[in-house]
Full PDB file with SEQRES, HELIX, SHEET, SSBOND, CRYST1, ORIGX, SCALE, CONECT and MASTER records, all heavy atoms in Angstrom:
SEQRES   1 A   39  ALA VAL PHE VAL PHE GLY ILE VAL ARG PHE PHE SER ALA          
SEQRES   2 A   39  ALA ILE PHE GLN GLN VAL GLU SER GLU LEU LYS ASP THR          
SEQRES   3 A   39  ALA LEU MET LEU LYS GLY LEU LEU PHE MET ALA GLU GLU          
HELIX    1 AA1 VAL A    2  LEU A   34  1                                  33    
CRYST1    1.000    1.000    1.000  90.00  90.00  90.00 P 1           1          
ORIGX1      1.000000  0.000000  0.000000        0.00000                         
ORIGX2      0.000000  1.000000  0.000000        0.00000                         
ORIGX3      0.000000  0.000000  1.000000        0.00000                         
SCALE1      1.000000  0.000000  0.000000        0.00000                         
SCALE2      0.000000  1.000000  0.000000        0.00000                         
SCALE3      0.000000  0.000000  1.000000        0.00000                         
ATOM      1  N   ALA A   1      84.433  66.154  29.765  1.00  0.00           N  
ATOM      2  CA  ALA A   1      85.075  67.313  30.477  1.00  0.00           C  
ATOM      3  C   ALA A   1      84.156  67.633  31.713  1.00  0.00           C  
ATOM      4  O   ALA A   1      84.593  67.841  32.823  1.00  0.00           O  
ATOM      5  CB  ALA A   1      85.145  68.450  29.591  1.00  0.00           C  
ATOM      6  N   VAL A   2      82.798  67.591  31.493  1.00  0.00           N  
ATOM      7  CA  VAL A   2      81.921  67.863  32.627  1.00  0.00           C  
ATOM      8  C   VAL A   2      82.070  66.812  33.682  1.00  0.00           C  
ATOM      9  O   VAL A   2      82.075  67.027  34.885  1.00  0.00           O  
ATOM     10  CB  VAL A   2      80.452  67.862  32.050  1.00  0.00           C  
ATOM     11  CG1 VAL A   2      79.516  67.914  33.258  1.00  0.00           C  
ATOM     12  CG2 VAL A   2      80.275  69.138  31.237  1.00  0.00           C  
ATOM     13  N   PHE A   3      82.223  65.472  33.185  1.00  0.00           N  
ATOM     14  CA  PHE A   3      82.359  64.436  34.075  1.00  0.00           C  
ATOM     15  C   PHE A   3      83.686  64.630  34.858  1.00  0.00           C  
ATOM     16  O   PHE A   3      83.636  64.479  36.175  1.00  0.00           O  
ATOM     17  CB  PHE A   3      82.442  63.060  33.374  1.00  0.00           C  
ATOM     18  CG  PHE A   3      82.765  61.803  34.232  1.00  0.00           C  
ATOM     19  CD1 PHE A   3      81.824  61.286  35.049  1.00  0.00           C  
ATOM     20  CD2 PHE A   3      84.003  61.313  34.195  1.00  0.00           C  
ATOM     21  CE1 PHE A   3      82.127  60.209  35.849  1.00  0.00           C  
ATOM     22  CE2 PHE A   3      84.298  60.261  35.019  1.00  0.00           C  
ATOM     23  CZ  PHE A   3      83.287  59.698  35.850  1.00  0.00           C  
ATOM     24  N   VAL A   4      84.798  64.899  34.288  1.00  0.00           N  
ATOM     25  CA  VAL A   4      86.014  65.069  34.928  1.00  0.00           C  
ATOM     26  C   VAL A   4      85.923  66.234  35.918  1.00  0.00           C  
ATOM     27  O   VAL A   4      86.505  66.180  37.074  1.00  0.00           O  
ATOM     28  CB  VAL A   4      87.260  65.218  33.948  1.00  0.00           C  
ATOM     29  CG1 VAL A   4      88.470  65.586  34.598  1.00  0.00           C  
ATOM     30  CG2 VAL A   4      87.445  63.986  33.150  1.00  0.00           C  
ATOM     31  N   PHE A   5      85.353  67.281  35.412  1.00  0.00           N  
ATOM     32  CA  PHE A   5      85.274  68.512  36.274  1.00  0.00           C  
ATOM     33  C   PHE A   5      84.544  68.194  37.526  1.00  0.00           C  
ATOM     34  O   PHE A   5      84.866  68.590  38.697  1.00  0.00           O  
ATOM     35  CB  PHE A   5      84.551  69.598  35.528  1.00  0.00           C  
ATOM     36  CG  PHE A   5      84.448  70.883  36.301  1.00  0.00           C  
ATOM     37  CD1 PHE A   5      85.560  71.804  36.524  1.00  0.00           C  
ATOM     38  CD2 PHE A   5      83.254  71.228  36.751  1.00  0.00           C  
ATOM     39  CE1 PHE A   5      85.361  72.893  37.324  1.00  0.00           C  
ATOM     40  CE2 PHE A   5      82.970  72.429  37.476  1.00  0.00           C  
ATOM     41  CZ  PHE A   5      84.103  73.199  37.725  1.00  0.00           C  
ATOM     42  N   GLY A   6      83.359  67.441  37.330  1.00  0.00           N  
ATOM     43  CA  GLY A   6      82.522  67.086  38.508  1.00  0.00           C  
ATOM     44  C   GLY A   6      83.256  66.233  39.540  1.00  0.00           C  
ATOM     45  O   GLY A   6      83.150  66.432  40.736  1.00  0.00           O  
ATOM     46  N   ILE A   7      83.981  65.246  38.961  1.00  0.00           N  
ATOM     47  CA  ILE A   7      84.745  64.315  39.812  1.00  0.00           C  
ATOM     48  C   ILE A   7      85.764  64.994  40.657  1.00  0.00           C  
ATOM     49  O   ILE A   7      85.972  64.844  41.876  1.00  0.00           O  
ATOM     50  CB  ILE A   7      85.303  63.126  38.997  1.00  0.00           C  
ATOM     51  CG1 ILE A   7      84.213  62.255  38.520  1.00  0.00           C  
ATOM     52  CG2 ILE A   7      86.305  62.357  39.857  1.00  0.00           C  
ATOM     53  CD1 ILE A   7      83.445  61.486  39.596  1.00  0.00           C  
ATOM     54  N   VAL A   8      86.515  65.855  39.933  1.00  0.00           N  
ATOM     55  CA  VAL A   8      87.646  66.631  40.479  1.00  0.00           C  
ATOM     56  C   VAL A   8      87.078  67.615  41.633  1.00  0.00           C  
ATOM     57  O   VAL A   8      87.600  67.634  42.765  1.00  0.00           O  
ATOM     58  CB  VAL A   8      88.485  67.445  39.537  1.00  0.00           C  
ATOM     59  CG1 VAL A   8      89.371  68.373  40.235  1.00  0.00           C  
ATOM     60  CG2 VAL A   8      89.218  66.410  38.599  1.00  0.00           C  
ATOM     61  N   ARG A   9      86.008  68.297  41.268  1.00  0.00           N  
ATOM     62  CA  ARG A   9      85.389  69.202  42.296  1.00  0.00           C  
ATOM     63  C   ARG A   9      84.905  68.420  43.541  1.00  0.00           C  
ATOM     64  O   ARG A   9      85.124  68.817  44.691  1.00  0.00           O  
ATOM     65  CB  ARG A   9      84.361  69.958  41.629  1.00  0.00           C  
ATOM     66  CG  ARG A   9      84.739  71.015  40.655  1.00  0.00           C  
ATOM     67  CD  ARG A   9      85.515  72.136  41.392  1.00  0.00           C  
ATOM     68  NE  ARG A   9      84.707  72.823  42.434  1.00  0.00           N  
ATOM     69  CZ  ARG A   9      83.892  73.871  42.185  1.00  0.00           C  
ATOM     70  NH1 ARG A   9      83.761  74.327  40.935  1.00  0.00           N  
ATOM     71  NH2 ARG A   9      83.121  74.306  43.094  1.00  0.00           N  
ATOM     72  N   PHE A  10      84.204  67.273  43.232  1.00  0.00           N  
ATOM     73  CA  PHE A  10      83.744  66.498  44.384  1.00  0.00           C  
ATOM     74  C   PHE A  10      84.845  65.983  45.249  1.00  0.00           C  
ATOM     75  O   PHE A  10      84.779  66.105  46.449  1.00  0.00           O  
ATOM     76  CB  PHE A  10      82.924  65.365  43.825  1.00  0.00           C  
ATOM     77  CG  PHE A  10      82.403  64.403  44.836  1.00  0.00           C  
ATOM     78  CD1 PHE A  10      81.311  64.722  45.692  1.00  0.00           C  
ATOM     79  CD2 PHE A  10      83.025  63.219  45.084  1.00  0.00           C  
ATOM     80  CE1 PHE A  10      80.878  63.887  46.669  1.00  0.00           C  
ATOM     81  CE2 PHE A  10      82.596  62.335  46.052  1.00  0.00           C  
ATOM     82  CZ  PHE A  10      81.503  62.727  46.825  1.00  0.00           C  
ATOM     83  N   PHE A  11      85.841  65.379  44.591  1.00  0.00           N  
ATOM     84  CA  PHE A  11      87.013  64.864  45.366  1.00  0.00           C  
ATOM     85  C   PHE A  11      87.746  65.927  46.177  1.00  0.00           C  
ATOM     86  O   PHE A  11      88.080  65.779  47.369  1.00  0.00           O  
ATOM     87  CB  PHE A  11      87.984  64.094  44.421  1.00  0.00           C  
ATOM     88  CG  PHE A  11      89.141  63.444  45.035  1.00  0.00           C  
ATOM     89  CD1 PHE A  11      88.884  62.274  45.851  1.00  0.00           C  
ATOM     90  CD2 PHE A  11      90.329  63.986  44.951  1.00  0.00           C  
ATOM     91  CE1 PHE A  11      89.968  61.736  46.459  1.00  0.00           C  
ATOM     92  CE2 PHE A  11      91.409  63.281  45.527  1.00  0.00           C  
ATOM     93  CZ  PHE A  11      91.259  62.209  46.334  1.00  0.00           C  
ATOM     94  N   SER A  12      87.989  67.030  45.600  1.00  0.00           N  
ATOM     95  CA  SER A  12      88.669  68.181  46.176  1.00  0.00           C  
ATOM     96  C   SER A  12      87.839  68.677  47.343  1.00  0.00           C  
ATOM     97  O   SER A  12      88.387  68.956  48.500  1.00  0.00           O  
ATOM     98  CB  SER A  12      88.966  69.380  45.211  1.00  0.00           C  
ATOM     99  OG  SER A  12      89.730  68.842  44.147  1.00  0.00           O  
ATOM    100  N   ALA A  13      86.547  68.872  47.136  1.00  0.00           N  
ATOM    101  CA  ALA A  13      85.708  69.363  48.193  1.00  0.00           C  
ATOM    102  C   ALA A  13      85.675  68.376  49.384  1.00  0.00           C  
ATOM    103  O   ALA A  13      85.682  68.800  50.556  1.00  0.00           O  
ATOM    104  CB  ALA A  13      84.316  69.626  47.625  1.00  0.00           C  
ATOM    105  N   ALA A  14      85.742  67.053  49.098  1.00  0.00           N  
ATOM    106  CA  ALA A  14      85.676  66.054  50.180  1.00  0.00           C  
ATOM    107  C   ALA A  14      86.969  66.114  50.980  1.00  0.00           C  
ATOM    108  O   ALA A  14      86.887  66.113  52.197  1.00  0.00           O  
ATOM    109  CB  ALA A  14      85.477  64.719  49.579  1.00  0.00           C  
ATOM    110  N   ILE A  15      88.092  66.264  50.317  1.00  0.00           N  
ATOM    111  CA  ILE A  15      89.412  66.292  51.054  1.00  0.00           C  
ATOM    112  C   ILE A  15      89.446  67.616  51.883  1.00  0.00           C  
ATOM    113  O   ILE A  15      89.803  67.483  53.110  1.00  0.00           O  
ATOM    114  CB  ILE A  15      90.557  66.145  50.021  1.00  0.00           C  
ATOM    115  CG1 ILE A  15      90.543  64.851  49.307  1.00  0.00           C  
ATOM    116  CG2 ILE A  15      91.890  66.539  50.721  1.00  0.00           C  
ATOM    117  CD1 ILE A  15      91.646  64.692  48.329  1.00  0.00           C  
ATOM    118  N   PHE A  16      89.107  68.739  51.244  1.00  0.00           N  
ATOM    119  CA  PHE A  16      89.264  69.942  52.045  1.00  0.00           C  
ATOM    120  C   PHE A  16      88.207  70.014  53.173  1.00  0.00           C  
ATOM    121  O   PHE A  16      88.508  70.478  54.282  1.00  0.00           O  
ATOM    122  CB  PHE A  16      89.029  71.204  51.120  1.00  0.00           C  
ATOM    123  CG  PHE A  16      90.235  71.532  50.353  1.00  0.00           C  
ATOM    124  CD1 PHE A  16      90.218  71.418  48.948  1.00  0.00           C  
ATOM    125  CD2 PHE A  16      91.377  72.036  50.949  1.00  0.00           C  
ATOM    126  CE1 PHE A  16      91.391  71.729  48.153  1.00  0.00           C  
ATOM    127  CE2 PHE A  16      92.501  72.240  50.156  1.00  0.00           C  
ATOM    128  CZ  PHE A  16      92.405  72.196  48.873  1.00  0.00           C  
ATOM    129  N   GLN A  17      87.091  69.323  52.956  1.00  0.00           N  
ATOM    130  CA  GLN A  17      86.158  69.288  54.000  1.00  0.00           C  
ATOM    131  C   GLN A  17      86.537  68.426  55.177  1.00  0.00           C  
ATOM    132  O   GLN A  17      86.392  68.682  56.374  1.00  0.00           O  
ATOM    133  CB  GLN A  17      84.815  68.691  53.415  1.00  0.00           C  
ATOM    134  CG  GLN A  17      83.622  68.780  54.457  1.00  0.00           C  
ATOM    135  CD  GLN A  17      82.320  68.202  53.856  1.00  0.00           C  
ATOM    136  OE1 GLN A  17      82.232  67.938  52.675  1.00  0.00           O  
ATOM    137  NE2 GLN A  17      81.260  68.337  54.709  1.00  0.00           N  
ATOM    138  N   GLN A  18      87.303  67.340  54.776  1.00  0.00           N  
ATOM    139  CA  GLN A  18      87.913  66.429  55.842  1.00  0.00           C  
ATOM    140  C   GLN A  18      89.030  67.259  56.634  1.00  0.00           C  
ATOM    141  O   GLN A  18      89.103  67.227  57.847  1.00  0.00           O  
ATOM    142  CB  GLN A  18      88.605  65.289  55.194  1.00  0.00           C  
ATOM    143  CG  GLN A  18      89.271  64.233  56.185  1.00  0.00           C  
ATOM    144  CD  GLN A  18      88.311  63.669  57.104  1.00  0.00           C  
ATOM    145  OE1 GLN A  18      87.144  63.406  56.827  1.00  0.00           O  
ATOM    146  NE2 GLN A  18      88.649  63.346  58.346  1.00  0.00           N  
ATOM    147  N   VAL A  19      89.897  68.022  56.018  1.00  0.00           N  
ATOM    148  CA  VAL A  19      90.912  68.823  56.605  1.00  0.00           C  
ATOM    149  C   VAL A  19      90.257  69.766  57.479  1.00  0.00           C  
ATOM    150  O   VAL A  19      90.663  70.052  58.757  1.00  0.00           O  
ATOM    151  CB  VAL A  19      91.843  69.468  55.577  1.00  0.00           C  
ATOM    152  CG1 VAL A  19      92.744  70.396  56.302  1.00  0.00           C  
ATOM    153  CG2 VAL A  19      92.601  68.377  54.820  1.00  0.00           C  
ATOM    154  N   GLU A  20      89.133  70.520  57.016  1.00  0.00           N  
ATOM    155  CA  GLU A  20      88.504  71.490  57.834  1.00  0.00           C  
ATOM    156  C   GLU A  20      87.855  70.856  59.087  1.00  0.00           C  
ATOM    157  O   GLU A  20      87.888  71.483  60.130  1.00  0.00           O  
ATOM    158  CB  GLU A  20      87.453  72.167  56.944  1.00  0.00           C  
ATOM    159  CG  GLU A  20      86.721  73.275  57.712  1.00  0.00           C  
ATOM    160  CD  GLU A  20      85.566  73.892  56.777  1.00  0.00           C  
ATOM    161  OE1 GLU A  20      85.602  73.543  55.570  1.00  0.00           O  
ATOM    162  OE2 GLU A  20      84.728  74.684  57.385  1.00  0.00           O  
ATOM    163  N   SER A  21      87.380  69.686  58.864  1.00  0.00           N  
ATOM    164  CA  SER A  21      86.659  68.991  60.064  1.00  0.00           C  
ATOM    165  C   SER A  21      87.756  68.691  61.157  1.00  0.00           C  
ATOM    166  O   SER A  21      87.567  68.857  62.337  1.00  0.00           O  
ATOM    167  CB  SER A  21      86.028  67.739  59.536  1.00  0.00           C  
ATOM    168  OG  SER A  21      85.532  67.099  60.724  1.00  0.00           O  
ATOM    169  N   GLU A  22      88.972  68.355  60.635  1.00  0.00           N  
ATOM    170  CA  GLU A  22      90.059  67.972  61.568  1.00  0.00           C  
ATOM    171  C   GLU A  22      90.602  69.128  62.310  1.00  0.00           C  
ATOM    172  O   GLU A  22      90.737  69.233  63.473  1.00  0.00           O  
ATOM    173  CB  GLU A  22      91.249  67.254  60.856  1.00  0.00           C  
ATOM    174  CG  GLU A  22      90.887  65.898  60.371  1.00  0.00           C  
ATOM    175  CD  GLU A  22      92.002  65.203  59.566  1.00  0.00           C  
ATOM    176  OE1 GLU A  22      93.043  65.978  59.276  1.00  0.00           O  
ATOM    177  OE2 GLU A  22      91.830  64.152  59.114  1.00  0.00           O  
ATOM    178  N   LEU A  23      90.649  70.298  61.564  1.00  0.00           N  
ATOM    179  CA  LEU A  23      91.082  71.593  62.179  1.00  0.00           C  
ATOM    180  C   LEU A  23      90.098  72.027  63.106  1.00  0.00           C  
ATOM    181  O   LEU A  23      90.410  72.607  64.281  1.00  0.00           O  
ATOM    182  CB  LEU A  23      91.293  72.615  61.037  1.00  0.00           C  
ATOM    183  CG  LEU A  23      92.504  72.475  60.138  1.00  0.00           C  
ATOM    184  CD1 LEU A  23      92.540  73.447  59.058  1.00  0.00           C  
ATOM    185  CD2 LEU A  23      93.814  72.536  60.944  1.00  0.00           C  
ATOM    186  N   LYS A  24      88.761  71.902  62.911  1.00  0.00           N  
ATOM    187  CA  LYS A  24      87.740  72.289  63.769  1.00  0.00           C  
ATOM    188  C   LYS A  24      87.781  71.524  65.078  1.00  0.00           C  
ATOM    189  O   LYS A  24      87.645  72.064  66.156  1.00  0.00           O  
ATOM    190  CB  LYS A  24      86.331  72.161  63.131  1.00  0.00           C  
ATOM    191  CG  LYS A  24      85.194  72.820  63.904  1.00  0.00           C  
ATOM    192  CD  LYS A  24      83.965  72.728  63.090  1.00  0.00           C  
ATOM    193  CE  LYS A  24      82.795  73.458  63.850  1.00  0.00           C  
ATOM    194  NZ  LYS A  24      81.587  73.469  63.115  1.00  0.00           N  
ATOM    195  N   ASP A  25      87.924  70.202  64.921  1.00  0.00           N  
ATOM    196  CA  ASP A  25      88.077  69.340  66.169  1.00  0.00           C  
ATOM    197  C   ASP A  25      89.324  69.826  67.007  1.00  0.00           C  
ATOM    198  O   ASP A  25      89.243  69.965  68.194  1.00  0.00           O  
ATOM    199  CB  ASP A  25      88.238  67.928  65.769  1.00  0.00           C  
ATOM    200  CG  ASP A  25      86.940  67.383  65.159  1.00  0.00           C  
ATOM    201  OD1 ASP A  25      85.923  67.931  65.406  1.00  0.00           O  
ATOM    202  OD2 ASP A  25      87.078  66.256  64.445  1.00  0.00           O  
ATOM    203  N   THR A  26      90.394  70.093  66.331  1.00  0.00           N  
ATOM    204  CA  THR A  26      91.633  70.547  67.002  1.00  0.00           C  
ATOM    205  C   THR A  26      91.338  71.879  67.671  1.00  0.00           C  
ATOM    206  O   THR A  26      91.734  72.108  68.866  1.00  0.00           O  
ATOM    207  CB  THR A  26      92.800  70.631  66.125  1.00  0.00           C  
ATOM    208  OG1 THR A  26      93.001  69.450  65.424  1.00  0.00           O  
ATOM    209  CG2 THR A  26      94.061  71.258  66.754  1.00  0.00           C  
ATOM    210  N   ALA A  27      90.671  72.761  67.051  1.00  0.00           N  
ATOM    211  CA  ALA A  27      90.438  74.156  67.501  1.00  0.00           C  
ATOM    212  C   ALA A  27      89.508  74.014  68.777  1.00  0.00           C  
ATOM    213  O   ALA A  27      89.697  74.750  69.772  1.00  0.00           O  
ATOM    214  CB  ALA A  27      89.754  74.927  66.480  1.00  0.00           C  
ATOM    215  N   LEU A  28      88.507  73.174  68.757  1.00  0.00           N  
ATOM    216  CA  LEU A  28      87.663  72.982  69.818  1.00  0.00           C  
ATOM    217  C   LEU A  28      88.344  72.453  71.024  1.00  0.00           C  
ATOM    218  O   LEU A  28      88.226  72.771  72.283  1.00  0.00           O  
ATOM    219  CB  LEU A  28      86.440  72.208  69.455  1.00  0.00           C  
ATOM    220  CG  LEU A  28      85.440  72.778  68.502  1.00  0.00           C  
ATOM    221  CD1 LEU A  28      84.320  71.807  68.093  1.00  0.00           C  
ATOM    222  CD2 LEU A  28      84.764  74.117  69.064  1.00  0.00           C  
ATOM    223  N   MET A  29      89.231  71.487  70.792  1.00  0.00           N  
ATOM    224  CA  MET A  29      90.061  70.937  71.884  1.00  0.00           C  
ATOM    225  C   MET A  29      90.933  71.810  72.529  1.00  0.00           C  
ATOM    226  O   MET A  29      91.033  71.955  73.693  1.00  0.00           O  
ATOM    227  CB  MET A  29      90.781  69.682  71.337  1.00  0.00           C  
ATOM    228  CG  MET A  29      91.656  68.942  72.384  1.00  0.00           C  
ATOM    229  SD  MET A  29      92.669  67.745  71.714  1.00  0.00           S  
ATOM    230  CE  MET A  29      93.802  68.733  70.719  1.00  0.00           C  
ATOM    231  N   LEU A  30      91.588  72.641  71.598  1.00  0.00           N  
ATOM    232  CA  LEU A  30      92.540  73.651  72.118  1.00  0.00           C  
ATOM    233  C   LEU A  30      91.754  74.803  72.940  1.00  0.00           C  
ATOM    234  O   LEU A  30      92.254  75.356  73.920  1.00  0.00           O  
ATOM    235  CB  LEU A  30      93.341  74.303  71.011  1.00  0.00           C  
ATOM    236  CG  LEU A  30      94.311  73.381  70.303  1.00  0.00           C  
ATOM    237  CD1 LEU A  30      94.943  74.034  69.085  1.00  0.00           C  
ATOM    238  CD2 LEU A  30      95.477  73.048  71.322  1.00  0.00           C  
ATOM    239  N   LYS A  31      90.571  75.022  72.478  1.00  0.00           N  
ATOM    240  CA  LYS A  31      89.705  76.059  73.180  1.00  0.00           C  
ATOM    241  C   LYS A  31      89.466  75.577  74.594  1.00  0.00           C  
ATOM    242  O   LYS A  31      89.524  76.303  75.549  1.00  0.00           O  
ATOM    243  CB  LYS A  31      88.509  76.229  72.401  1.00  0.00           C  
ATOM    244  CG  LYS A  31      87.503  77.285  73.103  1.00  0.00           C  
ATOM    245  CD  LYS A  31      86.158  77.432  72.254  1.00  0.00           C  
ATOM    246  CE  LYS A  31      85.320  78.412  72.893  1.00  0.00           C  
ATOM    247  NZ  LYS A  31      84.035  78.648  72.157  1.00  0.00           N  
ATOM    248  N   GLY A  32      89.191  74.311  74.721  1.00  0.00           N  
ATOM    249  CA  GLY A  32      88.892  73.793  76.104  1.00  0.00           C  
ATOM    250  C   GLY A  32      90.236  73.818  76.895  1.00  0.00           C  
ATOM    251  O   GLY A  32      90.134  74.164  78.155  1.00  0.00           O  
ATOM    252  N   LEU A  33      91.254  73.425  76.243  1.00  0.00           N  
ATOM    253  CA  LEU A  33      92.571  73.441  77.057  1.00  0.00           C  
ATOM    254  C   LEU A  33      93.000  74.818  77.522  1.00  0.00           C  
ATOM    255  O   LEU A  33      93.577  75.114  78.418  1.00  0.00           O  
ATOM    256  CB  LEU A  33      93.718  72.743  76.266  1.00  0.00           C  
ATOM    257  CG  LEU A  33      93.502  71.238  76.000  1.00  0.00           C  
ATOM    258  CD1 LEU A  33      94.613  70.761  74.977  1.00  0.00           C  
ATOM    259  CD2 LEU A  33      93.548  70.530  77.212  1.00  0.00           C  
ATOM    260  N   LEU A  34      92.704  75.756  76.501  1.00  0.00           N  
ATOM    261  CA  LEU A  34      93.206  77.129  76.671  1.00  0.00           C  
ATOM    262  C   LEU A  34      92.526  77.756  77.895  1.00  0.00           C  
ATOM    263  O   LEU A  34      93.155  78.517  78.634  1.00  0.00           O  
ATOM    264  CB  LEU A  34      92.929  77.949  75.369  1.00  0.00           C  
ATOM    265  CG  LEU A  34      93.446  79.398  75.392  1.00  0.00           C  
ATOM    266  CD1 LEU A  34      94.903  79.465  75.572  1.00  0.00           C  
ATOM    267  CD2 LEU A  34      93.020  80.045  74.126  1.00  0.00           C  
ATOM    268  N   PHE A  35      91.333  77.567  78.033  1.00  0.00           N  
ATOM    269  CA  PHE A  35      90.535  78.201  79.100  1.00  0.00           C  
ATOM    270  C   PHE A  35      90.252  77.382  80.364  1.00  0.00           C  
ATOM    271  O   PHE A  35      89.266  77.684  81.144  1.00  0.00           O  
ATOM    272  CB  PHE A  35      89.233  78.867  78.510  1.00  0.00           C  
ATOM    273  CG  PHE A  35      89.615  79.856  77.379  1.00  0.00           C  
ATOM    274  CD1 PHE A  35      89.364  79.601  76.127  1.00  0.00           C  
ATOM    275  CD2 PHE A  35      90.159  81.043  77.794  1.00  0.00           C  
ATOM    276  CE1 PHE A  35      89.729  80.467  75.172  1.00  0.00           C  
ATOM    277  CE2 PHE A  35      90.406  81.918  76.808  1.00  0.00           C  
ATOM    278  CZ  PHE A  35      90.231  81.707  75.498  1.00  0.00           C  
ATOM    279  N   MET A  36      90.898  76.302  80.555  1.00  0.00           N  
ATOM    280  CA  MET A  36      90.768  75.470  81.703  1.00  0.00           C  
ATOM    281  C   MET A  36      91.707  75.900  82.800  1.00  0.00           C  
ATOM    282  O   MET A  36      91.608  75.462  83.937  1.00  0.00           O  
ATOM    283  CB  MET A  36      91.023  73.986  81.365  1.00  0.00           C  
ATOM    284  CG  MET A  36      89.825  73.314  80.673  1.00  0.00           C  
ATOM    285  SD  MET A  36      90.165  71.578  80.247  1.00  0.00           S  
ATOM    286  CE  MET A  36      90.375  70.953  81.897  1.00  0.00           C  
ATOM    287  N   ALA A  37      92.633  76.712  82.405  1.00  0.00           N  
ATOM    288  CA  ALA A  37      93.629  77.328  83.420  1.00  0.00           C  
ATOM    289  C   ALA A  37      92.847  78.130  84.430  1.00  0.00           C  
ATOM    290  O   ALA A  37      91.947  78.857  84.068  1.00  0.00           O  
ATOM    291  CB  ALA A  37      94.736  78.009  82.764  1.00  0.00           C  
ATOM    292  N   GLU A  38      93.359  78.113  85.573  1.00  0.00           N  
ATOM    293  CA  GLU A  38      92.677  78.932  86.719  1.00  0.00           C  
ATOM    294  C   GLU A  38      92.955  80.472  86.569  1.00  0.00           C  
ATOM    295  O   GLU A  38      92.100  81.349  86.763  1.00  0.00           O  
ATOM    296  CB  GLU A  38      93.134  78.499  88.061  1.00  0.00           C  
ATOM    297  CG  GLU A  38      92.761  77.065  88.370  1.00  0.00           C  
ATOM    298  CD  GLU A  38      93.169  76.610  89.768  1.00  0.00           C  
ATOM    299  OE1 GLU A  38      94.007  77.380  90.390  1.00  0.00           O  
ATOM    300  OE2 GLU A  38      92.743  75.584  90.176  1.00  0.00           O  
ATOM    301  N   GLU A  39      94.196  80.767  86.001  1.00  0.00           N  
ATOM    302  CA  GLU A  39      94.465  82.148  85.865  1.00  0.00           C  
ATOM    303  C   GLU A  39      94.792  82.520  84.384  1.00  0.00           C  
ATOM    304  O   GLU A  39      95.837  82.377  83.821  1.00  0.00           O  
ATOM    305  CB  GLU A  39      95.768  82.541  86.739  1.00  0.00           C  
ATOM    306  CG  GLU A  39      95.548  82.223  88.187  1.00  0.00           C  
ATOM    307  CD  GLU A  39      96.814  82.619  88.925  1.00  0.00           C  
ATOM    308  OE1 GLU A  39      97.867  82.803  88.387  1.00  0.00           O  
ATOM    309  OE2 GLU A  39      96.810  82.632  90.166  1.00  0.00           O  
TER     310      GLU A  39                                                      
MASTER        0    0    0    1    0    0    0    6  309    1    0    3          
END                                                                             
């Protein structure tokens, strides 16, 4: 049970961390696009 719980937690954390990283990259890119306009 401890082994399964650890594996599941580790795998879930890794996936969500990957999604968060992708969202962060997207946000930073949009931030640059958003404020590059002159007006």
